[in-house]
Amino acid sequence: TSIDEKIKNEGKEVFHNILFDFGSDNLTKESYLVIETLSEYLKVNPSQEYYIVGHTDNVGSLSSNQILSEKRAKAVFKALTTKYGIKTSQISAHGVGQLSPLAINTTDAGRSLNRRVEIVLK
């Protein structure tokens, strides 16, 4: 899979298509297709552990974005463990808010790139 390639080459995979309702940790319906694909990758690599990391753009305060990014990572964690049967020992959820942008936050396109979930090799 491309997830496998990214993990092997970069130690992480970035998901811009795991989406949430605005300012919320409610996953959109479309996100479950992506999470299901991620769960299949995790099931093929059961002995490896991963971080699920939530990221936000810079709209809002640093502290509120930190909390939101953690809640979003936990929502993905919960979906993976309850809906797709991933062991809680294999993954952990963390948020870094707006502190690790991929792009500038001065444009809509940049902010969109910064709102993401990553799976990171432990």
PDB file of N, CA and C in Angstrom:
ATOM      1  N   THR A   1       0.839  -1.207   0.000  1.00  0.00           N
ATOM      2  CA  THR A   1       0.000   0.000   0.000  1.00  0.00           C
ATOM      3  C   THR A   1       0.868   1.248   0.000  1.00  0.00           C
ATOM      4  N   SER A   2       0.283   2.354  -0.330  1.00  0.00           N
ATOM      5  CA  SER A   2       1.030   3.607  -0.284  1.00  0.00           C
ATOM      6  C   SER A   2       1.332   3.988   1.162  1.00  0.00           C
ATOM      7  N   ILE A   3       0.466   3.586   2.091  1.00  0.00           N
ATOM      8  CA  ILE A   3       0.733   3.854   3.517  1.00  0.00           C
ATOM      9  C   ILE A   3       2.031   3.159   3.894  1.00  0.00           C
ATOM     10  N   ASP A   4       2.168   1.909   3.503  1.00  0.00           N
ATOM     11  CA  ASP A   4       3.363   1.128   3.803  1.00  0.00           C
ATOM     12  C   ASP A   4       4.616   1.801   3.252  1.00  0.00           C
ATOM     13  N   GLU A   5       4.540   2.262   2.007  1.00  0.00           N
ATOM     14  CA  GLU A   5       5.669   2.942   1.375  1.00  0.00           C
ATOM     15  C   GLU A   5       6.061   4.204   2.142  1.00  0.00           C
ATOM     16  N   LYS A   6       5.059   5.017   2.478  1.00  0.00           N
ATOM     17  CA  LYS A   6       5.324   6.270   3.204  1.00  0.00           C
ATOM     18  C   LYS A   6       5.949   6.000   4.563  1.00  0.00           C
ATOM     19  N   ILE A   7       5.422   5.016   5.288  1.00  0.00           N
ATOM     20  CA  ILE A   7       5.958   4.690   6.615  1.00  0.00           C
ATOM     21  C   ILE A   7       7.413   4.230   6.490  1.00  0.00           C
ATOM     22  N   LYS A   8       7.681   3.367   5.508  1.00  0.00           N
ATOM     23  CA  LYS A   8       9.043   2.856   5.328  1.00  0.00           C
ATOM     24  C   LYS A   8      10.022   3.952   4.933  1.00  0.00           C
ATOM     25  N   ASN A   9       9.573   4.885   4.100  1.00  0.00           N
ATOM     26  CA  ASN A   9      10.470   5.924   3.597  1.00  0.00           C
ATOM     27  C   ASN A   9      10.550   7.172   4.463  1.00  0.00           C
ATOM     28  N   GLU A  10       9.449   7.538   5.113  1.00  0.00           N
ATOM     29  CA  GLU A  10       9.407   8.800   5.862  1.00  0.00           C
ATOM     30  C   GLU A  10       9.071   8.634   7.339  1.00  0.00           C
ATOM     31  N   GLY A  11       8.664   7.432   7.741  1.00  0.00           N
ATOM     32  CA  GLY A  11       8.301   7.200   9.131  1.00  0.00           C
ATOM     33  C   GLY A  11       6.919   7.717   9.495  1.00  0.00           C
ATOM     34  N   LYS A  12       6.162   8.186   8.479  1.00  0.00           N
ATOM     35  CA  LYS A  12       4.811   8.669   8.744  1.00  0.00           C
ATOM     36  C   LYS A  12       4.026   8.722   7.451  1.00  0.00           C
ATOM     37  N   GLU A  13       2.702   8.807   7.598  1.00  0.00           N
ATOM     38  CA  GLU A  13       1.808   9.049   6.467  1.00  0.00           C
ATOM     39  C   GLU A  13       0.852  10.160   6.887  1.00  0.00           C
ATOM     40  N   VAL A  14       0.630  11.088   5.981  1.00  0.00           N
ATOM     41  CA  VAL A  14      -0.219  12.255   6.237  1.00  0.00           C
ATOM     42  C   VAL A  14      -1.577  12.018   5.584  1.00  0.00           C
ATOM     43  N   PHE A  15      -2.644  12.250   6.353  1.00  0.00           N
ATOM     44  CA  PHE A  15      -4.002  12.104   5.835  1.00  0.00           C
ATOM     45  C   PHE A  15      -4.696  13.459   5.848  1.00  0.00           C
ATOM     46  N   HIS A  16      -4.907  14.007   4.643  1.00  0.00           N
ATOM     47  CA  HIS A  16      -5.673  15.252   4.530  1.00  0.00           C
ATOM     48  C   HIS A  16      -7.149  14.935   4.347  1.00  0.00           C
ATOM     49  N   ASN A  17      -7.462  13.662   4.147  1.00  0.00           N
ATOM     50  CA  ASN A  17      -8.838  13.267   3.867  1.00  0.00           C
ATOM     51  C   ASN A  17      -9.526  12.582   5.043  1.00  0.00           C
ATOM     52  N   ILE A  18      -8.940  12.683   6.230  1.00  0.00           N
ATOM     53  CA  ILE A  18      -9.678  12.357   7.453  1.00  0.00           C
ATOM     54  C   ILE A  18     -10.192  13.711   7.936  1.00  0.00           C
ATOM     55  N   LEU A  19     -11.483  13.931   7.764  1.00  0.00           N
ATOM     56  CA  LEU A  19     -12.059  15.258   7.981  1.00  0.00           C
ATOM     57  C   LEU A  19     -13.048  15.271   9.144  1.00  0.00           C
ATOM     58  N   PHE A  20     -13.215  16.470   9.684  1.00  0.00           N
ATOM     59  CA  PHE A  20     -14.078  16.674  10.845  1.00  0.00           C
ATOM     60  C   PHE A  20     -15.018  17.833  10.574  1.00  0.00           C
ATOM     61  N   ASP A  21     -16.132  17.835  11.285  1.00  0.00           N
ATOM     62  CA  ASP A  21     -17.006  19.003  11.239  1.00  0.00           C
ATOM     63  C   ASP A  21     -16.217  20.198  11.766  1.00  0.00           C
ATOM     64  N   PHE A  22     -16.545  21.393  11.286  1.00  0.00           N
ATOM     65  CA  PHE A  22     -15.802  22.609  11.644  1.00  0.00           C
ATOM     66  C   PHE A  22     -15.700  22.782  13.157  1.00  0.00           C
ATOM     67  N   GLY A  23     -14.473  22.995  13.639  1.00  0.00           N
ATOM     68  CA  GLY A  23     -14.223  23.258  15.054  1.00  0.00           C
ATOM     69  C   GLY A  23     -14.621  22.125  15.971  1.00  0.00           C
ATOM     70  N   SER A  24     -14.683  20.907  15.440  1.00  0.00           N
ATOM     71  CA  SER A  24     -15.218  19.783  16.195  1.00  0.00           C
ATOM     72  C   SER A  24     -14.353  18.547  15.987  1.00  0.00           C
ATOM     73  N   ASP A  25     -14.602  17.529  16.829  1.00  0.00           N
ATOM     74  CA  ASP A  25     -13.924  16.251  16.639  1.00  0.00           C
ATOM     75  C   ASP A  25     -14.869  15.204  16.056  1.00  0.00           C
ATOM     76  N   ASN A  26     -16.005  15.647  15.491  1.00  0.00           N
ATOM     77  CA  ASN A  26     -16.933  14.732  14.824  1.00  0.00           C
ATOM     78  C   ASN A  26     -16.401  14.389  13.439  1.00  0.00           C
ATOM     79  N   LEU A  27     -16.097  13.131  13.220  1.00  0.00           N
ATOM     80  CA  LEU A  27     -15.604  12.676  11.923  1.00  0.00           C
ATOM     81  C   LEU A  27     -16.713  12.746  10.878  1.00  0.00           C
ATOM     82  N   THR A  28     -16.362  13.148   9.660  1.00  0.00           N
ATOM     83  CA  THR A  28     -17.326  13.117   8.566  1.00  0.00           C
ATOM     84  C   THR A  28     -17.482  11.671   8.093  1.00  0.00           C
ATOM     85  N   LYS A  29     -18.602  11.363   7.476  1.00  0.00           N
ATOM     86  CA  LYS A  29     -18.863   9.994   6.998  1.00  0.00           C
ATOM     87  C   LYS A  29     -17.770   9.517   6.052  1.00  0.00           C
ATOM     88  N   GLU A  30     -17.299  10.403   5.178  1.00  0.00           N
ATOM     89  CA  GLU A  30     -16.280  10.041   4.188  1.00  0.00           C
ATOM     90  C   GLU A  30     -14.971   9.612   4.864  1.00  0.00           C
ATOM     91  N   SER A  31     -14.726  10.118   6.041  1.00  0.00           N
ATOM     92  CA  SER A  31     -13.476   9.810   6.745  1.00  0.00           C
ATOM     93  C   SER A  31     -13.362   8.337   7.099  1.00  0.00           C
ATOM     94  N   TYR A  32     -14.495   7.675   7.281  1.00  0.00           N
ATOM     95  CA  TYR A  32     -14.446   6.272   7.696  1.00  0.00           C
ATOM     96  C   TYR A  32     -13.851   5.365   6.618  1.00  0.00           C
ATOM     97  N   LEU A  33     -13.988   5.736   5.356  1.00  0.00           N
ATOM     98  CA  LEU A  33     -13.351   4.952   4.284  1.00  0.00           C
ATOM     99  C   LEU A  33     -11.839   5.004   4.428  1.00  0.00           C
ATOM    100  N   VAL A  34     -11.312   6.178   4.754  1.00  0.00           N
ATOM    101  CA  VAL A  34      -9.871   6.358   4.933  1.00  0.00           C
ATOM    102  C   VAL A  34      -9.407   5.621   6.189  1.00  0.00           C
ATOM    103  N   ILE A  35     -10.180   5.746   7.262  1.00  0.00           N
ATOM    104  CA  ILE A  35      -9.825   5.090   8.525  1.00  0.00           C
ATOM    105  C   ILE A  35      -9.864   3.571   8.354  1.00  0.00           C
ATOM    106  N   GLU A  36     -10.808   3.083   7.562  1.00  0.00           N
ATOM    107  CA  GLU A  36     -10.869   1.647   7.303  1.00  0.00           C
ATOM    108  C   GLU A  36      -9.612   1.172   6.570  1.00  0.00           C
ATOM    109  N   THR A  37      -9.159   1.929   5.589  1.00  0.00           N
ATOM    110  CA  THR A  37      -7.918   1.616   4.870  1.00  0.00           C
ATOM    111  C   THR A  37      -6.731   1.624   5.831  1.00  0.00           C
ATOM    112  N   LEU A  38      -6.702   2.608   6.713  1.00  0.00           N
ATOM    113  CA  LEU A  38      -5.640   2.683   7.724  1.00  0.00           C
ATOM    114  C   LEU A  38      -5.696   1.456   8.635  1.00  0.00           C
ATOM    115  N   SER A  39      -6.904   1.044   9.024  1.00  0.00           N
ATOM    116  CA  SER A  39      -7.033  -0.122   9.904  1.00  0.00           C
ATOM    117  C   SER A  39      -6.497  -1.386   9.230  1.00  0.00           C
ATOM    118  N   GLU A  40      -6.722  -1.498   7.918  1.00  0.00           N
ATOM    119  CA  GLU A  40      -6.219  -2.666   7.184  1.00  0.00           C
ATOM    120  C   GLU A  40      -4.683  -2.685   7.209  1.00  0.00           C
ATOM    121  N   TYR A  41      -4.079  -1.518   7.048  1.00  0.00           N
ATOM    122  CA  TYR A  41      -2.619  -1.423   7.137  1.00  0.00           C
ATOM    123  C   TYR A  41      -2.143  -1.833   8.542  1.00  0.00           C
ATOM    124  N   LEU A  42      -2.817  -1.326   9.573  1.00  0.00           N
ATOM    125  CA  LEU A  42      -2.416  -1.640  10.951  1.00  0.00           C
ATOM    126  C   LEU A  42      -2.545  -3.136  11.244  1.00  0.00           C
ATOM    127  N   LYS A  43      -3.581  -3.751  10.719  1.00  0.00           N
ATOM    128  CA  LYS A  43      -3.791  -5.188  10.958  1.00  0.00           C
ATOM    129  C   LYS A  43      -2.705  -6.036  10.300  1.00  0.00           C
ATOM    130  N   VAL A  44      -2.142  -5.562   9.195  1.00  0.00           N
ATOM    131  CA  VAL A  44      -1.067  -6.283   8.505  1.00  0.00           C
ATOM    132  C   VAL A  44       0.269  -6.087   9.229  1.00  0.00           C
ATOM    133  N   ASN A  45       0.338  -5.080  10.099  1.00  0.00           N
ATOM    134  CA  ASN A  45       1.571  -4.768  10.838  1.00  0.00           C
ATOM    135  C   ASN A  45       1.304  -4.762  12.345  1.00  0.00           C
ATOM    136  N   PRO A  46       0.815  -5.879  12.884  1.00  0.00           N
ATOM    137  CA  PRO A  46       0.334  -5.894  14.274  1.00  0.00           C
ATOM    138  C   PRO A  46       1.412  -5.711  15.341  1.00  0.00           C
ATOM    139  N   SER A  47       2.666  -6.000  15.002  1.00  0.00           N
ATOM    140  CA  SER A  47       3.720  -5.893  16.021  1.00  0.00           C
ATOM    141  C   SER A  47       4.330  -4.499  16.083  1.00  0.00           C
ATOM    142  N   GLN A  48       3.988  -3.650  15.118  1.00  0.00           N
ATOM    143  CA  GLN A  48       4.530  -2.291  15.094  1.00  0.00           C
ATOM    144  C   GLN A  48       3.563  -1.332  15.792  1.00  0.00           C
ATOM    145  N   GLU A  49       4.115  -0.375  16.542  1.00  0.00           N
ATOM    146  CA  GLU A  49       3.290   0.618  17.242  1.00  0.00           C
ATOM    147  C   GLU A  49       3.374   1.969  16.539  1.00  0.00           C
ATOM    148  N   TYR A  50       2.283   2.737  16.668  1.00  0.00           N
ATOM    149  CA  TYR A  50       2.160   4.004  15.960  1.00  0.00           C
ATOM    150  C   TYR A  50       1.534   5.080  16.834  1.00  0.00           C
ATOM    151  N   TYR A  51       1.866   6.325  16.524  1.00  0.00           N
ATOM    152  CA  TYR A  51       1.188   7.490  17.092  1.00  0.00           C
ATOM    153  C   TYR A  51       0.150   7.949  16.076  1.00  0.00           C
ATOM    154  N   ILE A  52      -1.037   8.291  16.532  1.00  0.00           N
ATOM    155  CA  ILE A  52      -2.032   8.972  15.715  1.00  0.00           C
ATOM    156  C   ILE A  52      -1.948  10.435  16.158  1.00  0.00           C
ATOM    157  N   VAL A  53      -1.562  11.330  15.247  1.00  0.00           N
ATOM    158  CA  VAL A  53      -1.271  12.716  15.625  1.00  0.00           C
ATOM    159  C   VAL A  53      -2.226  13.671  14.902  1.00  0.00           C
ATOM    160  N   GLY A  54      -2.930  14.482  15.694  1.00  0.00           N
ATOM    161  CA  GLY A  54      -3.835  15.479  15.143  1.00  0.00           C
ATOM    162  C   GLY A  54      -3.139  16.821  14.996  1.00  0.00           C
ATOM    163  N   HIS A  55      -3.439  17.529  13.900  1.00  0.00           N
ATOM    164  CA  HIS A  55      -2.870  18.853  13.613  1.00  0.00           C
ATOM    165  C   HIS A  55      -4.002  19.810  13.250  1.00  0.00           C
ATOM    166  N   THR A  56      -3.848  21.079  13.603  1.00  0.00           N
ATOM    167  CA  THR A  56      -4.822  22.102  13.223  1.00  0.00           C
ATOM    168  C   THR A  56      -4.112  23.217  12.447  1.00  0.00           C
ATOM    169  N   ASP A  57      -4.926  24.126  11.905  1.00  0.00           N
ATOM    170  CA  ASP A  57      -4.355  25.353  11.348  1.00  0.00           C
ATOM    171  C   ASP A  57      -4.213  26.351  12.506  1.00  0.00           C
ATOM    172  N   ASN A  58      -3.942  27.617  12.204  1.00  0.00           N
ATOM    173  CA  ASN A  58      -3.705  28.582  13.282  1.00  0.00           C
ATOM    174  C   ASN A  58      -4.923  29.430  13.619  1.00  0.00           C
ATOM    175  N   VAL A  59      -6.107  29.058  13.107  1.00  0.00           N
ATOM    176  CA  VAL A  59      -7.321  29.798  13.438  1.00  0.00           C
ATOM    177  C   VAL A  59      -7.751  29.396  14.839  1.00  0.00           C
ATOM    178  N   GLY A  60      -7.877  30.386  15.721  1.00  0.00           N
ATOM    179  CA  GLY A  60      -8.189  30.105  17.120  1.00  0.00           C
ATOM    180  C   GLY A  60      -6.947  30.202  17.975  1.00  0.00           C
ATOM    181  N   SER A  61      -7.137  30.016  19.262  1.00  0.00           N
ATOM    182  CA  SER A  61      -6.013  30.162  20.187  1.00  0.00           C
ATOM    183  C   SER A  61      -5.146  28.904  20.205  1.00  0.00           C
ATOM    184  N   LEU A  62      -3.911  29.076  20.633  1.00  0.00           N
ATOM    185  CA  LEU A  62      -2.975  27.962  20.741  1.00  0.00           C
ATOM    186  C   LEU A  62      -3.547  26.864  21.633  1.00  0.00           C
ATOM    187  N   SER A  63      -4.098  27.253  22.783  1.00  0.00           N
ATOM    188  CA  SER A  63      -4.607  26.243  23.718  1.00  0.00           C
ATOM    189  C   SER A  63      -5.847  25.542  23.176  1.00  0.00           C
ATOM    190  N   SER A  64      -6.747  26.275  22.532  1.00  0.00           N
ATOM    191  CA  SER A  64      -7.949  25.616  21.991  1.00  0.00           C
ATOM    192  C   SER A  64      -7.577  24.695  20.828  1.00  0.00           C
ATOM    193  N   ASN A  65      -6.598  25.075  20.023  1.00  0.00           N
ATOM    194  CA  ASN A  65      -6.160  24.211  18.927  1.00  0.00           C
ATOM    195  C   ASN A  65      -5.457  22.960  19.449  1.00  0.00           C
ATOM    196  N   GLN A  66      -4.723  23.100  20.538  1.00  0.00           N
ATOM    197  CA  GLN A  66      -4.062  21.946  21.145  1.00  0.00           C
ATOM    198  C   GLN A  66      -5.119  20.937  21.599  1.00  0.00           C
ATOM    199  N   ILE A  67      -6.130  21.431  22.290  1.00  0.00           N
ATOM    200  CA  ILE A  67      -7.210  20.567  22.783  1.00  0.00           C
ATOM    201  C   ILE A  67      -7.955  19.928  21.613  1.00  0.00           C
ATOM    202  N   LEU A  68      -8.284  20.728  20.587  1.00  0.00           N
ATOM    203  CA  LEU A  68      -9.012  20.220  19.426  1.00  0.00           C
ATOM    204  C   LEU A  68      -8.205  19.142  18.703  1.00  0.00           C
ATOM    205  N   SER A  69      -6.907  19.373  18.535  1.00  0.00           N
ATOM    206  CA  SER A  69      -6.083  18.383  17.826  1.00  0.00           C
ATOM    207  C   SER A  69      -6.019  17.066  18.606  1.00  0.00           C
ATOM    208  N   GLU A  70      -5.973  17.144  19.929  1.00  0.00           N
ATOM    209  CA  GLU A  70      -5.977  15.932  20.763  1.00  0.00           C
ATOM    210  C   GLU A  70      -7.309  15.203  20.632  1.00  0.00           C
ATOM    211  N   LYS A  71      -8.414  15.948  20.680  1.00  0.00           N
ATOM    212  CA  LYS A  71      -9.740  15.334  20.555  1.00  0.00           C
ATOM    213  C   LYS A  71      -9.906  14.660  19.203  1.00  0.00           C
ATOM    214  N   ARG A  72      -9.383  15.290  18.158  1.00  0.00           N
ATOM    215  CA  ARG A  72      -9.485  14.712  16.821  1.00  0.00           C
ATOM    216  C   ARG A  72      -8.649  13.439  16.707  1.00  0.00           C
ATOM    217  N   ALA A  73      -7.448  13.446  17.260  1.00  0.00           N
ATOM    218  CA  ALA A  73      -6.613  12.234  17.255  1.00  0.00           C
ATOM    219  C   ALA A  73      -7.313  11.122  18.033  1.00  0.00           C
ATOM    220  N   LYS A  74      -7.943  11.479  19.152  1.00  0.00           N
ATOM    221  CA  LYS A  74      -8.654  10.485  19.962  1.00  0.00           C
ATOM    222  C   LYS A  74      -9.880   9.948  19.226  1.00  0.00           C
ATOM    223  N   ALA A  75     -10.530  10.772  18.406  1.00  0.00           N
ATOM    224  CA  ALA A  75     -11.681  10.317  17.627  1.00  0.00           C
ATOM    225  C   ALA A  75     -11.241   9.260  16.611  1.00  0.00           C
ATOM    226  N   VAL A  76     -10.081   9.466  15.988  1.00  0.00           N
ATOM    227  CA  VAL A  76      -9.549   8.491  15.033  1.00  0.00           C
ATOM    228  C   VAL A  76      -9.142   7.220  15.784  1.00  0.00           C
ATOM    229  N   PHE A  77      -8.496   7.389  16.920  1.00  0.00           N
ATOM    230  CA  PHE A  77      -8.111   6.262  17.780  1.00  0.00           C
ATOM    231  C   PHE A  77      -9.346   5.437  18.137  1.00  0.00           C
ATOM    232  N   LYS A  78     -10.407   6.124  18.575  1.00  0.00           N
ATOM    233  CA  LYS A  78     -11.640   5.441  18.985  1.00  0.00           C
ATOM    234  C   LYS A  78     -12.253   4.680  17.816  1.00  0.00           C
ATOM    235  N   ALA A  79     -12.291   5.292  16.636  1.00  0.00           N
ATOM    236  CA  ALA A  79     -12.838   4.610  15.457  1.00  0.00           C
ATOM    237  C   ALA A  79     -12.011   3.371  15.130  1.00  0.00           C
ATOM    238  N   LEU A  80     -10.696   3.509  15.163  1.00  0.00           N
ATOM    239  CA  LEU A  80      -9.819   2.380  14.841  1.00  0.00           C
ATOM    240  C   LEU A  80      -9.994   1.228  15.831  1.00  0.00           C
ATOM    241  N   THR A  81     -10.124   1.552  17.115  1.00  0.00           N
ATOM    242  CA  THR A  81     -10.179   0.499  18.132  1.00  0.00           C
ATOM    243  C   THR A  81     -11.580  -0.085  18.300  1.00  0.00           C
ATOM    244  N   THR A  82     -12.625   0.731  18.205  1.00  0.00           N
ATOM    245  CA  THR A  82     -13.967   0.209  18.444  1.00  0.00           C
ATOM    246  C   THR A  82     -14.639  -0.301  17.172  1.00  0.00           C
ATOM    247  N   LYS A  83     -14.489   0.411  16.079  1.00  0.00           N
ATOM    248  CA  LYS A  83     -15.173   0.039  14.836  1.00  0.00           C
ATOM    249  C   LYS A  83     -14.370  -0.974  14.017  1.00  0.00           C
ATOM    250  N   TYR A  84     -13.039  -0.881  14.072  1.00  0.00           N
ATOM    251  CA  TYR A  84     -12.209  -1.717  13.210  1.00  0.00           C
ATOM    252  C   TYR A  84     -11.325  -2.709  13.972  1.00  0.00           C
ATOM    253  N   GLY A  85     -11.460  -2.784  15.281  1.00  0.00           N
ATOM    254  CA  GLY A  85     -10.801  -3.824  16.056  1.00  0.00           C
ATOM    255  C   GLY A  85      -9.296  -3.713  16.221  1.00  0.00           C
ATOM    256  N   ILE A  86      -8.748  -2.504  16.073  1.00  0.00           N
ATOM    257  CA  ILE A  86      -7.305  -2.321  16.290  1.00  0.00           C
ATOM    258  C   ILE A  86      -7.034  -2.344  17.795  1.00  0.00           C
ATOM    259  N   LYS A  87      -5.989  -3.042  18.208  1.00  0.00           N
ATOM    260  CA  LYS A  87      -5.648  -3.133  19.630  1.00  0.00           C
ATOM    261  C   LYS A  87      -5.194  -1.773  20.159  1.00  0.00           C
ATOM    262  N   THR A  88      -5.642  -1.423  21.356  1.00  0.00           N
ATOM    263  CA  THR A  88      -5.269  -0.138  21.949  1.00  0.00           C
ATOM    264  C   THR A  88      -3.778  -0.082  22.262  1.00  0.00           C
ATOM    265  N   SER A  89      -3.134  -1.234  22.347  1.00  0.00           N
ATOM    266  CA  SER A  89      -1.684  -1.257  22.616  1.00  0.00           C
ATOM    267  C   SER A  89      -0.868  -0.900  21.371  1.00  0.00           C
ATOM    268  N   GLN A  90      -1.494  -0.933  20.194  1.00  0.00           N
ATOM    269  CA  GLN A  90      -0.760  -0.682  18.952  1.00  0.00           C
ATOM    270  C   GLN A  90      -0.675   0.798  18.601  1.00  0.00           C
ATOM    271  N   ILE A  91      -1.654   1.583  19.071  1.00  0.00           N
ATOM    272  CA  ILE A  91      -1.717   2.995  18.691  1.00  0.00           C
ATOM    273  C   ILE A  91      -1.963   3.869  19.920  1.00  0.00           C
ATOM    274  N   SER A  92      -1.519   5.117  19.827  1.00  0.00           N
ATOM    275  CA  SER A  92      -1.841   6.098  20.871  1.00  0.00           C
ATOM    276  C   SER A  92      -2.140   7.428  20.185  1.00  0.00           C
ATOM    277  N   ALA A  93      -3.000   8.217  20.815  1.00  0.00           N
ATOM    278  CA  ALA A  93      -3.479   9.469  20.214  1.00  0.00           C
ATOM    279  C   ALA A  93      -2.806  10.672  20.857  1.00  0.00           C
ATOM    280  N   HIS A  94      -2.381  11.616  20.019  1.00  0.00           N
ATOM    281  CA  HIS A  94      -1.712  12.831  20.492  1.00  0.00           C
ATOM    282  C   HIS A  94      -2.097  14.003  19.609  1.00  0.00           C
ATOM    283  N   GLY A  95      -2.049  15.194  20.170  1.00  0.00           N
ATOM    284  CA  GLY A  95      -2.319  16.385  19.387  1.00  0.00           C
ATOM    285  C   GLY A  95      -1.188  17.379  19.518  1.00  0.00           C
ATOM    286  N   VAL A  96      -0.874  18.063  18.421  1.00  0.00           N
ATOM    287  CA  VAL A  96       0.174  19.090  18.462  1.00  0.00           C
ATOM    288  C   VAL A  96      -0.364  20.453  18.024  1.00  0.00           C
ATOM    289  N   GLY A  97      -1.689  20.546  17.883  1.00  0.00           N
ATOM    290  CA  GLY A  97      -2.288  21.830  17.522  1.00  0.00           C
ATOM    291  C   GLY A  97      -1.724  22.373  16.233  1.00  0.00           C
ATOM    292  N   GLN A  98      -1.318  23.642  16.285  1.00  0.00           N
ATOM    293  CA  GLN A  98      -0.821  24.355  15.101  1.00  0.00           C
ATOM    294  C   GLN A  98       0.700  24.424  15.049  1.00  0.00           C
ATOM    295  N   LEU A  99       1.391  23.659  15.904  1.00  0.00           N
ATOM    296  CA  LEU A  99       2.834  23.821  16.076  1.00  0.00           C
ATOM    297  C   LEU A  99       3.694  23.145  15.015  1.00  0.00           C
ATOM    298  N   SER A 100       3.088  22.375  14.131  1.00  0.00           N
ATOM    299  CA  SER A 100       3.883  21.664  13.126  1.00  0.00           C
ATOM    300  C   SER A 100       3.228  21.791  11.750  1.00  0.00           C
ATOM    301  N   PRO A 101       3.166  23.017  11.214  1.00  0.00           N
ATOM    302  CA  PRO A 101       2.481  23.222   9.933  1.00  0.00           C
ATOM    303  C   PRO A 101       3.252  22.619   8.761  1.00  0.00           C
ATOM    304  N   LEU A 102       2.507  22.213   7.739  1.00  0.00           N
ATOM    305  CA  LEU A 102       3.109  21.772   6.481  1.00  0.00           C
ATOM    306  C   LEU A 102       3.220  22.932   5.507  1.00  0.00           C
ATOM    307  N   ALA A 103       2.389  23.946   5.710  1.00  0.00           N
ATOM    308  CA  ALA A 103       2.309  25.072   4.776  1.00  0.00           C
ATOM    309  C   ALA A 103       2.057  26.354   5.573  1.00  0.00           C
ATOM    310  N   ILE A 104       2.055  27.472   4.867  1.00  0.00           N
ATOM    311  CA  ILE A 104       1.786  28.737   5.554  1.00  0.00           C
ATOM    312  C   ILE A 104       0.306  28.812   5.931  1.00  0.00           C
ATOM    313  N   ASN A 105       0.013  29.528   6.995  1.00  0.00           N
ATOM    314  CA  ASN A 105      -1.353  29.667   7.472  1.00  0.00           C
ATOM    315  C   ASN A 105      -2.021  30.944   6.980  1.00  0.00           C
ATOM    316  N   THR A 106      -1.404  31.630   6.029  1.00  0.00           N
ATOM    317  CA  THR A 106      -1.955  32.910   5.558  1.00  0.00           C
ATOM    318  C   THR A 106      -2.899  32.750   4.380  1.00  0.00           C
ATOM    319  N   THR A 107      -3.052  31.500   3.875  1.00  0.00           N
ATOM    320  CA  THR A 107      -3.982  31.263   2.769  1.00  0.00           C
ATOM    321  C   THR A 107      -4.920  30.118   3.139  1.00  0.00           C
ATOM    322  N   ASP A 108      -6.083  30.078   2.492  1.00  0.00           N
ATOM    323  CA  ASP A 108      -7.019  28.972   2.718  1.00  0.00           C
ATOM    324  C   ASP A 108      -6.373  27.642   2.370  1.00  0.00           C
ATOM    325  N   ALA A 109      -5.655  27.613   1.252  1.00  0.00           N
ATOM    326  CA  ALA A 109      -5.002  26.372   0.806  1.00  0.00           C
ATOM    327  C   ALA A 109      -3.974  25.900   1.832  1.00  0.00           C
ATOM    328  N   GLY A 110      -3.191  26.833   2.357  1.00  0.00           N
ATOM    329  CA  GLY A 110      -2.190  26.488   3.362  1.00  0.00           C
ATOM    330  C   GLY A 110      -2.835  25.967   4.641  1.00  0.00           C
ATOM    331  N   ARG A 111      -3.879  26.664   5.090  1.00  0.00           N
ATOM    332  CA  ARG A 111      -4.571  26.220   6.309  1.00  0.00           C
ATOM    333  C   ARG A 111      -5.185  24.834   6.110  1.00  0.00           C
ATOM    334  N   SER A 112      -5.708  24.590   4.919  1.00  0.00           N
ATOM    335  CA  SER A 112      -6.297  23.285   4.617  1.00  0.00           C
ATOM    336  C   SER A 112      -5.245  22.178   4.712  1.00  0.00           C
ATOM    337  N   LEU A 113      -4.047  22.420   4.214  1.00  0.00           N
ATOM    338  CA  LEU A 113      -2.967  21.438   4.305  1.00  0.00           C
ATOM    339  C   LEU A 113      -2.546  21.190   5.756  1.00  0.00           C
ATOM    340  N   ASN A 114      -2.655  22.217   6.582  1.00  0.00           N
ATOM    341  CA  ASN A 114      -2.220  22.097   7.968  1.00  0.00           C
ATOM    342  C   ASN A 114      -3.218  21.326   8.837  1.00  0.00           C
ATOM    343  N   ARG A 115      -4.475  21.282   8.418  1.00  0.00           N
ATOM    344  CA  ARG A 115      -5.484  20.497   9.144  1.00  0.00           C
ATOM    345  C   ARG A 115      -5.381  19.058   8.658  1.00  0.00           C
ATOM    346  N   ARG A 116      -4.820  18.202   9.504  1.00  0.00           N
ATOM    347  CA  ARG A 116      -4.565  16.837   9.058  1.00  0.00           C
ATOM    348  C   ARG A 116      -4.393  15.894  10.237  1.00  0.00           C
ATOM    349  N   VAL A 117      -4.407  14.616   9.926  1.00  0.00           N
ATOM    350  CA  VAL A 117      -4.088  13.562  10.884  1.00  0.00           C
ATOM    351  C   VAL A 117      -2.918  12.778  10.288  1.00  0.00           C
ATOM    352  N   GLU A 118      -1.954  12.455  11.115  1.00  0.00           N
ATOM    353  CA  GLU A 118      -0.814  11.659  10.658  1.00  0.00           C
ATOM    354  C   GLU A 118      -0.716  10.384  11.475  1.00  0.00           C
ATOM    355  N   ILE A 119      -0.225   9.346  10.830  1.00  0.00           N
ATOM    356  CA  ILE A 119       0.159   8.139  11.558  1.00  0.00           C
ATOM    357  C   ILE A 119       1.690   8.147  11.529  1.00  0.00           C
ATOM    358  N   VAL A 120       2.281   8.037  12.703  1.00  0.00           N
ATOM    359  CA  VAL A 120       3.736   8.158  12.850  1.00  0.00           C
ATOM    360  C   VAL A 120       4.266   6.880  13.509  1.00  0.00           C
ATOM    361  N   LEU A 121       5.307   6.339  12.920  1.00  0.00           N
ATOM    362  CA  LEU A 121       5.952   5.150  13.459  1.00  0.00           C
ATOM    363  C   LEU A 121       6.545   5.468  14.832  1.00  0.00           C
ATOM    364  N   LYS A 122       6.291   4.593  15.817  1.00  0.00           N
ATOM    365  CA  LYS A 122       6.879   4.804  17.151  1.00  0.00           C
ATOM    366  C   LYS A 122       8.330   4.393  17.145  1.00  0.00           C
TER     367      LYS A 122
END
